[in-house]
Amino acid sequence: MTAVDRSLVNLVLKECHYSPFSGHPSEDRIREKVKNCIWWPIWKIHVAEYFKTCDRCQKANNSTGKRLENMIKIQEPSRPWEIVHMDRVTSLPKGGCKSCNACLVILNRFSTVPIFLPCHKDDTAMDKALLIWKRVVSLNDIFKNIISDMDSKLTSALWENLHQLFGTKLSFSSAYHTQTNGLAERMIQTLEDMVRRFCAYGLELKDFDLFTYDWCTLLPELKLACEISIHASTNEIPAILDKQWNPRLPQGSLGEDLVEIHPTASSCEGILEKYRNNAVRCM
C-alpha cells in the first residue's frame, strides 16, 4: 500500500472511473480497483464522493427491480467456454470503418467474460457463424451448448447445421416469458450503459488527446473493463476465472515508484492510533 498526495489521488480516481478501460463502473467496482492500486487515509470516503460527482453515471443509471426466477434449469458448465449465452443489440448508429449498426454479444457462462462483435443488422447466418468462428471459437474453444433467444437467423438450417459440426446444442428461450438468457440480457444492458456514459453527448467520444472514438471502436476497452470488474453472480473477477490472471492496466504502474508504508499503517485507524500514542508519551 502507498501513501500519495492529493494530485495523484485525483489521477487514480479518474483512471479507475473515466477511462474506457474502466467503463464508468459502480461505486463498489471503483473501490475494488482503487484498493488493488494504491492507498491513502479515508480513501473509501473519497471514492464515494467521487462517484457521486459523475454526472454521466447519475443520468445514465437504470432503475432495476426484482426479477422473476428462471423457469428452466440451466446446466452449469465445468470449464470456460463450454456453455455460452448469445444475444445481439440492433438499431445502433453506424460505427467503425465498416459502418456497423449492430453488436453480437457472447458471454462465457463459466467466467462471465463477454465478447462484443460489431456486425450489421442484416448479416446472414453464415456471416455471423464465420464471425464467431474467427473471433471466438478459434481463440477459445468449441461450445457445447449455446443459450440464445429466438431469432430467425439462429433457427435457419444453415445456422443449425454449422453448430452441429461444432457438436453444440441450441437452447431456445423466449424473451417475454422465461429468462434462460438473462445473463446475456444483463450484459447487453451493461454494454448499453457504458456506451451511453461515453457517448451521451454525441455519437463520438474524444479522449484527453482529442482522439475520436465511436461506440464500435470503444468495444475492446469496454470488454476489458467487464473482464477486470468483479461480477455479481460469481463474486470473482471474470479474467481470473477465464485466464487465471488479471490483465494489467495503465493505473497499475502509478504506485511503482512511490514509497511503501509499513504494514502496521495499513488502515486509517492504525495511523491515528499511532499518532495518539506518540502524543500521550510526549505529555
C-alpha atoms as a PDB file:
ATOM      1  CA  MET A   1       0.000   0.000   0.000  1.00  0.00           C
ATOM      2  CA  THR A   2       1.213   3.505  -0.814  1.00  0.00           C
ATOM      3  CA  ALA A   3       0.729   6.922   0.721  1.00  0.00           C
ATOM      4  CA  VAL A   4       0.029   9.501  -2.007  1.00  0.00           C
ATOM      5  CA  ASP A   5      -0.647  13.209  -2.422  1.00  0.00           C
ATOM      6  CA  ARG A   6      -3.966  14.709  -3.483  1.00  0.00           C
ATOM      7  CA  SER A   7      -2.995  15.228  -7.122  1.00  0.00           C
ATOM      8  CA  LEU A   8      -2.136  11.542  -7.527  1.00  0.00           C
ATOM      9  CA  VAL A   9      -5.346  10.569  -5.730  1.00  0.00           C
ATOM     10  CA  ASN A  10      -7.385  12.518  -8.304  1.00  0.00           C
ATOM     11  CA  LEU A  11      -5.418  10.939 -11.144  1.00  0.00           C
ATOM     12  CA  VAL A  12      -6.025   7.412  -9.836  1.00  0.00           C
ATOM     13  CA  LEU A  13      -9.741   8.050  -9.325  1.00  0.00           C
ATOM     14  CA  LYS A  14     -10.008   9.447 -12.836  1.00  0.00           C
ATOM     15  CA  GLU A  15      -8.247   6.443 -14.363  1.00  0.00           C
ATOM     16  CA  CYS A  16     -10.340   3.987 -12.351  1.00  0.00           C
ATOM     17  CA  HIS A  17     -13.633   5.540 -13.432  1.00  0.00           C
ATOM     18  CA  TYR A  18     -13.500   7.707 -16.563  1.00  0.00           C
ATOM     19  CA  SER A  19     -11.042   5.642 -18.606  1.00  0.00           C
ATOM     20  CA  PRO A  20     -12.560   3.375 -21.304  1.00  0.00           C
ATOM     21  CA  PHE A  21     -10.570   0.552 -19.698  1.00  0.00           C
ATOM     22  CA  SER A  22     -12.710   1.060 -16.582  1.00  0.00           C
ATOM     23  CA  GLY A  23     -16.036   1.764 -18.271  1.00  0.00           C
ATOM     24  CA  HIS A  24     -17.639   4.120 -15.690  1.00  0.00           C
ATOM     25  CA  PRO A  25     -18.086   1.320 -13.102  1.00  0.00           C
ATOM     26  CA  SER A  26     -20.263   1.373  -9.998  1.00  0.00           C
ATOM     27  CA  GLU A  27     -19.001   2.637  -6.650  1.00  0.00           C
ATOM     28  CA  ASP A  28     -18.219  -0.897  -5.429  1.00  0.00           C
ATOM     29  CA  ARG A  29     -16.173  -1.658  -8.538  1.00  0.00           C
ATOM     30  CA  ILE A  30     -14.276   1.638  -8.309  1.00  0.00           C
ATOM     31  CA  ARG A  31     -13.433   0.786  -4.706  1.00  0.00           C
ATOM     32  CA  GLU A  32     -12.116  -2.629  -5.753  1.00  0.00           C
ATOM     33  CA  LYS A  33      -9.919  -1.116  -8.499  1.00  0.00           C
ATOM     34  CA  VAL A  34      -8.517   1.575  -6.215  1.00  0.00           C
ATOM     35  CA  LYS A  35      -7.846  -0.926  -3.420  1.00  0.00           C
ATOM     36  CA  ASN A  36      -5.681  -3.003  -5.753  1.00  0.00           C
ATOM     37  CA  CYS A  37      -3.765   0.069  -6.912  1.00  0.00           C
ATOM     38  CA  ILE A  38      -2.864   2.446  -4.050  1.00  0.00           C
ATOM     39  CA  TRP A  39      -3.952   3.508  -0.550  1.00  0.00           C
ATOM     40  CA  TRP A  40      -4.440   6.776   1.341  1.00  0.00           C
ATOM     41  CA  PRO A  41      -6.330   7.806   4.508  1.00  0.00           C
ATOM     42  CA  ILE A  42     -10.169   7.807   4.282  1.00  0.00           C
ATOM     43  CA  TRP A  43      -9.902   6.578   0.687  1.00  0.00           C
ATOM     44  CA  LYS A  44     -13.340   4.915   0.824  1.00  0.00           C
ATOM     45  CA  ILE A  45     -14.995   8.246   1.595  1.00  0.00           C
ATOM     46  CA  HIS A  46     -13.157   9.911  -1.274  1.00  0.00           C
ATOM     47  CA  VAL A  47     -14.250   7.139  -3.670  1.00  0.00           C
ATOM     48  CA  ALA A  48     -17.903   7.513  -2.644  1.00  0.00           C
ATOM     49  CA  GLU A  49     -17.786  11.298  -3.058  1.00  0.00           C
ATOM     50  CA  TYR A  50     -16.036  10.997  -6.426  1.00  0.00           C
ATOM     51  CA  PHE A  51     -18.656   8.578  -7.773  1.00  0.00           C
ATOM     52  CA  LYS A  52     -21.497  10.925  -6.802  1.00  0.00           C
ATOM     53  CA  THR A  53     -19.885  13.757  -8.793  1.00  0.00           C
ATOM     54  CA  CYS A  54     -20.005  11.816 -12.093  1.00  0.00           C
ATOM     55  CA  ASP A  55     -22.865  13.484 -13.951  1.00  0.00           C
ATOM     56  CA  ARG A  56     -22.972  10.868 -16.710  1.00  0.00           C
ATOM     57  CA  CYS A  57     -23.400   7.993 -14.253  1.00  0.00           C
ATOM     58  CA  GLN A  58     -26.213   9.731 -12.406  1.00  0.00           C
ATOM     59  CA  LYS A  59     -28.058  10.377 -15.678  1.00  0.00           C
ATOM     60  CA  ALA A  60     -27.417   7.007 -17.317  1.00  0.00           C
ATOM     61  CA  ASN A  61     -28.176   4.683 -14.380  1.00  0.00           C
ATOM     62  CA  ASN A  62     -31.157   2.425 -14.996  1.00  0.00           C
ATOM     63  CA  SER A  63     -33.714   1.691 -12.299  1.00  0.00           C
ATOM     64  CA  THR A  64     -33.824  -2.010 -11.523  1.00  0.00           C
ATOM     65  CA  GLY A  65     -36.421  -4.167  -9.828  1.00  0.00           C
ATOM     66  CA  LYS A  66     -36.750  -7.718  -8.644  1.00  0.00           C
ATOM     67  CA  ARG A  67     -36.584 -10.235 -11.488  1.00  0.00           C
ATOM     68  CA  LEU A  68     -38.508 -13.460 -11.751  1.00  0.00           C
ATOM     69  CA  GLU A  69     -36.683 -16.718 -11.156  1.00  0.00           C
ATOM     70  CA  ASN A  70     -35.671 -18.898 -14.096  1.00  0.00           C
ATOM     71  CA  MET A  71     -38.414 -21.242 -15.258  1.00  0.00           C
ATOM     72  CA  ILE A  72     -35.911 -23.557 -16.945  1.00  0.00           C
ATOM     73  CA  LYS A  73     -32.980 -25.135 -15.127  1.00  0.00           C
ATOM     74  CA  ILE A  74     -29.729 -24.376 -16.913  1.00  0.00           C
ATOM     75  CA  GLN A  75     -26.875 -26.846 -16.776  1.00  0.00           C
ATOM     76  CA  GLU A  76     -23.787 -25.363 -15.164  1.00  0.00           C
ATOM     77  CA  PRO A  77     -20.506 -25.577 -17.136  1.00  0.00           C
ATOM     78  CA  SER A  78     -17.427 -27.355 -15.813  1.00  0.00           C
ATOM     79  CA  ARG A  79     -14.897 -25.190 -17.687  1.00  0.00           C
ATOM     80  CA  PRO A  80     -14.705 -21.895 -19.617  1.00  0.00           C
ATOM     81  CA  TRP A  81     -16.476 -21.615 -22.983  1.00  0.00           C
ATOM     82  CA  GLU A  82     -18.354 -24.886 -22.540  1.00  0.00           C
ATOM     83  CA  ILE A  83     -21.684 -23.009 -22.339  1.00  0.00           C
ATOM     84  CA  VAL A  84     -22.207 -19.515 -23.737  1.00  0.00           C
ATOM     85  CA  HIS A  85     -25.055 -17.018 -23.815  1.00  0.00           C
ATOM     86  CA  MET A  86     -25.675 -15.183 -27.060  1.00  0.00           C
ATOM     87  CA  ASP A  87     -27.765 -12.146 -27.929  1.00  0.00           C
ATOM     88  CA  ARG A  88     -27.440  -9.039 -30.064  1.00  0.00           C
ATOM     89  CA  VAL A  89     -28.005  -5.295 -29.923  1.00  0.00           C
ATOM     90  CA  THR A  90     -29.626  -3.777 -33.009  1.00  0.00           C
ATOM     91  CA  SER A  91     -30.595  -0.319 -34.264  1.00  0.00           C
ATOM     92  CA  LEU A  92     -27.249   1.184 -33.272  1.00  0.00           C
ATOM     93  CA  PRO A  93     -25.830   4.198 -35.129  1.00  0.00           C
ATOM     94  CA  LYS A  94     -23.270   3.353 -37.774  1.00  0.00           C
ATOM     95  CA  GLY A  95     -19.800   2.965 -36.293  1.00  0.00           C
ATOM     96  CA  GLY A  96     -16.327   1.793 -37.219  1.00  0.00           C
ATOM     97  CA  CYS A  97     -14.679   1.564 -40.607  1.00  0.00           C
ATOM     98  CA  LYS A  98     -17.331  -0.925 -41.785  1.00  0.00           C
ATOM     99  CA  SER A  99     -20.278   1.222 -40.634  1.00  0.00           C
ATOM    100  CA  CYS A 100     -21.591  -1.498 -38.319  1.00  0.00           C
ATOM    101  CA  ASN A 101     -25.084  -0.935 -36.930  1.00  0.00           C
ATOM    102  CA  ALA A 102     -25.428  -3.949 -34.586  1.00  0.00           C
ATOM    103  CA  CYS A 103     -23.401  -5.801 -31.974  1.00  0.00           C
ATOM    104  CA  LEU A 104     -23.336  -9.545 -31.277  1.00  0.00           C
ATOM    105  CA  VAL A 105     -22.822 -10.245 -27.563  1.00  0.00           C
ATOM    106  CA  ILE A 106     -21.390 -13.608 -26.482  1.00  0.00           C
ATOM    107  CA  LEU A 107     -20.982 -14.346 -22.780  1.00  0.00           C
ATOM    108  CA  ASN A 108     -18.956 -17.192 -21.294  1.00  0.00           C
ATOM    109  CA  ARG A 109     -21.279 -18.667 -18.639  1.00  0.00           C
ATOM    110  CA  PHE A 110     -18.428 -20.159 -16.592  1.00  0.00           C
ATOM    111  CA  SER A 111     -16.414 -16.959 -16.075  1.00  0.00           C
ATOM    112  CA  THR A 112     -18.889 -14.282 -17.342  1.00  0.00           C
ATOM    113  CA  VAL A 113     -16.227 -12.966 -19.734  1.00  0.00           C
ATOM    114  CA  PRO A 114     -18.020 -11.164 -22.600  1.00  0.00           C
ATOM    115  CA  ILE A 115     -17.092 -10.745 -26.244  1.00  0.00           C
ATOM    116  CA  PHE A 116     -18.558  -7.859 -28.240  1.00  0.00           C
ATOM    117  CA  LEU A 117     -18.595  -8.366 -32.002  1.00  0.00           C
ATOM    118  CA  PRO A 118     -19.644  -5.382 -34.150  1.00  0.00           C
ATOM    119  CA  CYS A 119     -21.702  -6.523 -37.114  1.00  0.00           C
ATOM    120  CA  HIS A 120     -24.598  -5.496 -39.360  1.00  0.00           C
ATOM    121  CA  LYS A 121     -28.283  -5.935 -38.603  1.00  0.00           C
ATOM    122  CA  ASP A 122     -28.889  -7.643 -41.970  1.00  0.00           C
ATOM    123  CA  ASP A 123     -25.917 -10.054 -41.774  1.00  0.00           C
ATOM    124  CA  THR A 124     -26.735 -13.583 -42.906  1.00  0.00           C
ATOM    125  CA  ALA A 125     -26.435 -16.632 -40.660  1.00  0.00           C
ATOM    126  CA  MET A 126     -23.222 -17.559 -42.450  1.00  0.00           C
ATOM    127  CA  ASP A 127     -21.787 -14.075 -41.822  1.00  0.00           C
ATOM    128  CA  LYS A 128     -22.417 -14.415 -38.091  1.00  0.00           C
ATOM    129  CA  ALA A 129     -21.168 -18.003 -37.995  1.00  0.00           C
ATOM    130  CA  LEU A 130     -17.873 -17.045 -39.660  1.00  0.00           C
ATOM    131  CA  LEU A 131     -17.519 -14.055 -37.316  1.00  0.00           C
ATOM    132  CA  ILE A 132     -17.985 -16.294 -34.278  1.00  0.00           C
ATOM    133  CA  TRP A 133     -15.576 -18.882 -35.664  1.00  0.00           C
ATOM    134  CA  LYS A 134     -12.807 -16.337 -36.322  1.00  0.00           C
ATOM    135  CA  ARG A 135     -13.218 -14.157 -33.235  1.00  0.00           C
ATOM    136  CA  VAL A 136     -14.427 -16.573 -30.555  1.00  0.00           C
ATOM    137  CA  VAL A 137     -14.158 -20.307 -31.282  1.00  0.00           C
ATOM    138  CA  SER A 138     -10.688 -20.211 -32.845  1.00  0.00           C
ATOM    139  CA  LEU A 139      -9.313 -18.278 -29.842  1.00  0.00           C
ATOM    140  CA  ASN A 140     -11.085 -20.160 -27.071  1.00  0.00           C
ATOM    141  CA  ASP A 141     -12.947 -23.444 -27.534  1.00  0.00           C
ATOM    142  CA  ILE A 142     -15.868 -25.087 -29.340  1.00  0.00           C
ATOM    143  CA  PHE A 143     -19.087 -24.544 -27.443  1.00  0.00           C
ATOM    144  CA  LYS A 144     -21.000 -27.479 -26.039  1.00  0.00           C
ATOM    145  CA  ASN A 145     -24.207 -25.530 -25.520  1.00  0.00           C
ATOM    146  CA  ILE A 146     -25.476 -22.143 -26.729  1.00  0.00           C
ATOM    147  CA  ILE A 147     -28.255 -20.316 -24.882  1.00  0.00           C
ATOM    148  CA  SER A 148     -29.950 -17.772 -27.095  1.00  0.00           C
ATOM    149  CA  ASP A 149     -33.260 -16.026 -27.614  1.00  0.00           C
ATOM    150  CA  MET A 150     -35.496 -16.988 -30.540  1.00  0.00           C
ATOM    151  CA  ASP A 151     -34.183 -15.433 -33.748  1.00  0.00           C
ATOM    152  CA  SER A 152     -34.894 -16.182 -37.379  1.00  0.00           C
ATOM    153  CA  LYS A 153     -31.198 -16.276 -38.240  1.00  0.00           C
ATOM    154  CA  LEU A 154     -30.364 -18.589 -35.347  1.00  0.00           C
ATOM    155  CA  THR A 155     -33.103 -21.006 -36.374  1.00  0.00           C
ATOM    156  CA  SER A 156     -32.090 -21.163 -40.013  1.00  0.00           C
ATOM    157  CA  ALA A 157     -30.996 -24.515 -41.376  1.00  0.00           C
ATOM    158  CA  LEU A 158     -27.522 -23.214 -42.163  1.00  0.00           C
ATOM    159  CA  TRP A 159     -27.025 -21.997 -38.604  1.00  0.00           C
ATOM    160  CA  GLU A 160     -28.168 -25.299 -37.100  1.00  0.00           C
ATOM    161  CA  ASN A 161     -26.017 -27.357 -39.472  1.00  0.00           C
ATOM    162  CA  LEU A 162     -22.970 -25.268 -38.684  1.00  0.00           C
ATOM    163  CA  HIS A 163     -23.448 -25.773 -34.951  1.00  0.00           C
ATOM    164  CA  GLN A 164     -23.950 -29.479 -35.439  1.00  0.00           C
ATOM    165  CA  LEU A 165     -20.454 -29.542 -36.883  1.00  0.00           C
ATOM    166  CA  PHE A 166     -19.275 -27.861 -33.671  1.00  0.00           C
ATOM    167  CA  GLY A 167     -21.127 -30.503 -31.630  1.00  0.00           C
ATOM    168  CA  THR A 168     -23.325 -27.882 -29.959  1.00  0.00           C
ATOM    169  CA  LYS A 169     -26.947 -27.843 -28.875  1.00  0.00           C
ATOM    170  CA  LEU A 170     -29.203 -24.832 -29.350  1.00  0.00           C
ATOM    171  CA  SER A 171     -31.256 -23.992 -26.250  1.00  0.00           C
ATOM    172  CA  PHE A 172     -34.010 -21.559 -27.224  1.00  0.00           C
ATOM    173  CA  SER A 173     -35.739 -19.235 -24.816  1.00  0.00           C
ATOM    174  CA  SER A 174     -38.467 -16.617 -25.003  1.00  0.00           C
ATOM    175  CA  ALA A 175     -37.556 -13.032 -24.178  1.00  0.00           C
ATOM    176  CA  TYR A 176     -41.072 -12.415 -22.885  1.00  0.00           C
ATOM    177  CA  HIS A 177     -41.685 -15.486 -20.703  1.00  0.00           C
ATOM    178  CA  THR A 178     -38.630 -17.395 -19.492  1.00  0.00           C
ATOM    179  CA  GLN A 179     -35.312 -15.851 -18.533  1.00  0.00           C
ATOM    180  CA  THR A 180     -32.859 -18.545 -19.531  1.00  0.00           C
ATOM    181  CA  ASN A 181     -30.860 -15.934 -21.415  1.00  0.00           C
ATOM    182  CA  GLY A 182     -30.864 -13.440 -18.563  1.00  0.00           C
ATOM    183  CA  LEU A 183     -27.059 -13.227 -18.322  1.00  0.00           C
ATOM    184  CA  ALA A 184     -26.769 -12.051 -21.919  1.00  0.00           C
ATOM    185  CA  GLU A 185     -29.628  -9.580 -21.464  1.00  0.00           C
ATOM    186  CA  ARG A 186     -27.968  -8.080 -18.386  1.00  0.00           C
ATOM    187  CA  MET A 187     -24.629  -7.877 -20.197  1.00  0.00           C
ATOM    188  CA  ILE A 188     -26.330  -6.038 -23.053  1.00  0.00           C
ATOM    189  CA  GLN A 189     -27.788  -3.596 -20.525  1.00  0.00           C
ATOM    190  CA  THR A 190     -24.303  -3.121 -19.045  1.00  0.00           C
ATOM    191  CA  LEU A 191     -22.830  -2.538 -22.515  1.00  0.00           C
ATOM    192  CA  GLU A 192     -25.531  -0.016 -23.387  1.00  0.00           C
ATOM    193  CA  ASP A 193     -24.965   1.784 -20.070  1.00  0.00           C
ATOM    194  CA  MET A 194     -21.215   2.041 -20.677  1.00  0.00           C
ATOM    195  CA  VAL A 195     -21.640   3.261 -24.259  1.00  0.00           C
ATOM    196  CA  ARG A 196     -24.228   5.797 -23.063  1.00  0.00           C
ATOM    197  CA  ARG A 197     -21.797   7.160 -20.471  1.00  0.00           C
ATOM    198  CA  PHE A 198     -19.051   7.709 -23.027  1.00  0.00           C
ATOM    199  CA  CYS A 199     -21.241   8.823 -25.922  1.00  0.00           C
ATOM    200  CA  ALA A 200     -24.074  10.518 -24.035  1.00  0.00           C
ATOM    201  CA  TYR A 201     -23.325  13.912 -25.563  1.00  0.00           C
ATOM    202  CA  GLY A 202     -22.823  12.695 -29.113  1.00  0.00           C
ATOM    203  CA  LEU A 203     -22.098   9.546 -31.063  1.00  0.00           C
ATOM    204  CA  GLU A 204     -18.352  10.061 -30.679  1.00  0.00           C
ATOM    205  CA  LEU A 205     -16.017  10.359 -27.700  1.00  0.00           C
ATOM    206  CA  LYS A 206     -12.848  12.450 -27.692  1.00  0.00           C
ATOM    207  CA  ASP A 207     -10.173  11.498 -25.175  1.00  0.00           C
ATOM    208  CA  PHE A 208      -7.703  13.811 -23.472  1.00  0.00           C
ATOM    209  CA  ASP A 209      -5.578  13.951 -26.651  1.00  0.00           C
ATOM    210  CA  LEU A 210      -8.701  14.739 -28.722  1.00  0.00           C
ATOM    211  CA  PHE A 211      -8.549  11.337 -30.411  1.00  0.00           C
ATOM    212  CA  THR A 212     -12.037  10.421 -31.606  1.00  0.00           C
ATOM    213  CA  TYR A 213     -13.806   7.170 -30.752  1.00  0.00           C
ATOM    214  CA  ASP A 214     -17.256   5.891 -31.629  1.00  0.00           C
ATOM    215  CA  TRP A 215     -19.216   3.064 -29.973  1.00  0.00           C
ATOM    216  CA  CYS A 216     -17.660   0.477 -32.282  1.00  0.00           C
ATOM    217  CA  THR A 217     -14.037   1.401 -31.605  1.00  0.00           C
ATOM    218  CA  LEU A 218     -14.733   1.545 -27.853  1.00  0.00           C
ATOM    219  CA  LEU A 219     -15.704  -2.147 -27.664  1.00  0.00           C
ATOM    220  CA  PRO A 220     -12.201  -3.566 -26.934  1.00  0.00           C
ATOM    221  CA  GLU A 221     -11.741  -1.248 -23.948  1.00  0.00           C
ATOM    222  CA  LEU A 222     -15.270  -1.890 -22.671  1.00  0.00           C
ATOM    223  CA  LYS A 223     -14.738  -5.649 -22.974  1.00  0.00           C
ATOM    224  CA  LEU A 224     -11.601  -5.359 -20.854  1.00  0.00           C
ATOM    225  CA  ALA A 225     -13.468  -3.223 -18.323  1.00  0.00           C
ATOM    226  CA  CYS A 226     -16.022  -6.034 -17.911  1.00  0.00           C
ATOM    227  CA  GLU A 227     -13.277  -8.668 -17.624  1.00  0.00           C
ATOM    228  CA  ILE A 228     -11.476  -6.995 -14.739  1.00  0.00           C
ATOM    229  CA  SER A 229     -14.557  -5.994 -12.690  1.00  0.00           C
ATOM    230  CA  ILE A 230     -15.988  -8.361 -10.075  1.00  0.00           C
ATOM    231  CA  HIS A 231     -19.199  -9.932 -11.395  1.00  0.00           C
ATOM    232  CA  ALA A 232     -22.176 -10.062  -9.044  1.00  0.00           C
ATOM    233  CA  SER A 233     -23.162 -13.637  -9.967  1.00  0.00           C
ATOM    234  CA  THR A 234     -19.745 -15.138  -9.136  1.00  0.00           C
ATOM    235  CA  ASN A 235     -18.168 -12.541  -6.790  1.00  0.00           C
ATOM    236  CA  GLU A 236     -14.995 -13.138  -8.774  1.00  0.00           C
ATOM    237  CA  ILE A 237     -13.033 -11.268 -11.439  1.00  0.00           C
ATOM    238  CA  PRO A 238     -14.007 -12.864 -14.798  1.00  0.00           C
ATOM    239  CA  ALA A 239     -10.497 -12.611 -16.261  1.00  0.00           C
ATOM    240  CA  ILE A 240      -9.045 -14.648 -13.381  1.00  0.00           C
ATOM    241  CA  LEU A 241     -11.660 -17.386 -13.781  1.00  0.00           C
ATOM    242  CA  ASP A 242     -11.047 -17.496 -17.523  1.00  0.00           C
ATOM    243  CA  LYS A 243      -7.272 -16.958 -17.800  1.00  0.00           C
ATOM    244  CA  GLN A 244      -6.039 -17.479 -14.218  1.00  0.00           C
ATOM    245  CA  TRP A 245      -4.519 -13.985 -14.210  1.00  0.00           C
ATOM    246  CA  ASN A 246      -5.717 -10.377 -14.122  1.00  0.00           C
ATOM    247  CA  PRO A 247      -4.779  -8.090 -17.055  1.00  0.00           C
ATOM    248  CA  ARG A 248      -2.554  -5.163 -16.193  1.00  0.00           C
ATOM    249  CA  LEU A 249      -3.910  -1.650 -16.720  1.00  0.00           C
ATOM    250  CA  PRO A 250      -2.127   1.722 -17.030  1.00  0.00           C
ATOM    251  CA  GLN A 251      -3.073   2.778 -13.497  1.00  0.00           C
ATOM    252  CA  GLY A 252      -1.397  -0.361 -12.162  1.00  0.00           C
ATOM    253  CA  SER A 253       2.018   1.245 -12.623  1.00  0.00           C
ATOM    254  CA  LEU A 254       1.170   4.544 -10.924  1.00  0.00           C
ATOM    255  CA  GLY A 255       2.398   3.440  -7.500  1.00  0.00           C
ATOM    256  CA  GLU A 256       5.542   1.566  -8.533  1.00  0.00           C
ATOM    257  CA  ASP A 257       7.937   4.464  -7.845  1.00  0.00           C
ATOM    258  CA  LEU A 258       6.245   5.633  -4.651  1.00  0.00           C
ATOM    259  CA  VAL A 259       7.426   4.992  -1.093  1.00  0.00           C
ATOM    260  CA  GLU A 260       5.859   1.964   0.586  1.00  0.00           C
ATOM    261  CA  ILE A 261       4.492   2.458   4.091  1.00  0.00           C
ATOM    262  CA  HIS A 262       4.797  -0.031   6.924  1.00  0.00           C
ATOM    263  CA  PRO A 263       2.138  -2.779   7.068  1.00  0.00           C
ATOM    264  CA  THR A 264       1.070  -1.612  10.544  1.00  0.00           C
ATOM    265  CA  ALA A 265      -0.200   1.604   8.919  1.00  0.00           C
ATOM    266  CA  SER A 266      -2.463  -0.270   6.529  1.00  0.00           C
ATOM    267  CA  SER A 267      -5.594   1.436   7.850  1.00  0.00           C
ATOM    268  CA  CYS A 268      -6.552   4.937   8.812  1.00  0.00           C
ATOM    269  CA  GLU A 269      -7.370   3.740  12.327  1.00  0.00           C
ATOM    270  CA  GLY A 270      -3.845   2.367  12.698  1.00  0.00           C
ATOM    271  CA  ILE A 271      -2.274   5.671  11.715  1.00  0.00           C
ATOM    272  CA  LEU A 272      -4.451   7.688  14.081  1.00  0.00           C
ATOM    273  CA  GLU A 273      -3.749   5.276  16.939  1.00  0.00           C
ATOM    274  CA  LYS A 274      -0.004   5.633  16.368  1.00  0.00           C
ATOM    275  CA  TYR A 275      -0.245   9.430  16.468  1.00  0.00           C
ATOM    276  CA  ARG A 276      -2.337   9.291  19.653  1.00  0.00           C
ATOM    277  CA  ASN A 277       0.171   7.045  21.447  1.00  0.00           C
ATOM    278  CA  ASN A 278       3.054   9.333  20.461  1.00  0.00           C
ATOM    279  CA  ALA A 279       1.140  12.331  21.791  1.00  0.00           C
ATOM    280  CA  VAL A 280       0.470  10.550  25.103  1.00  0.00           C
ATOM    281  CA  ARG A 281       4.183   9.771  25.566  1.00  0.00           C
ATOM    282  CA  CYS A 282       5.101  13.417  24.949  1.00  0.00           C
ATOM    283  CA  MET A 283       2.704  14.707  27.621  1.00  0.00           C
END
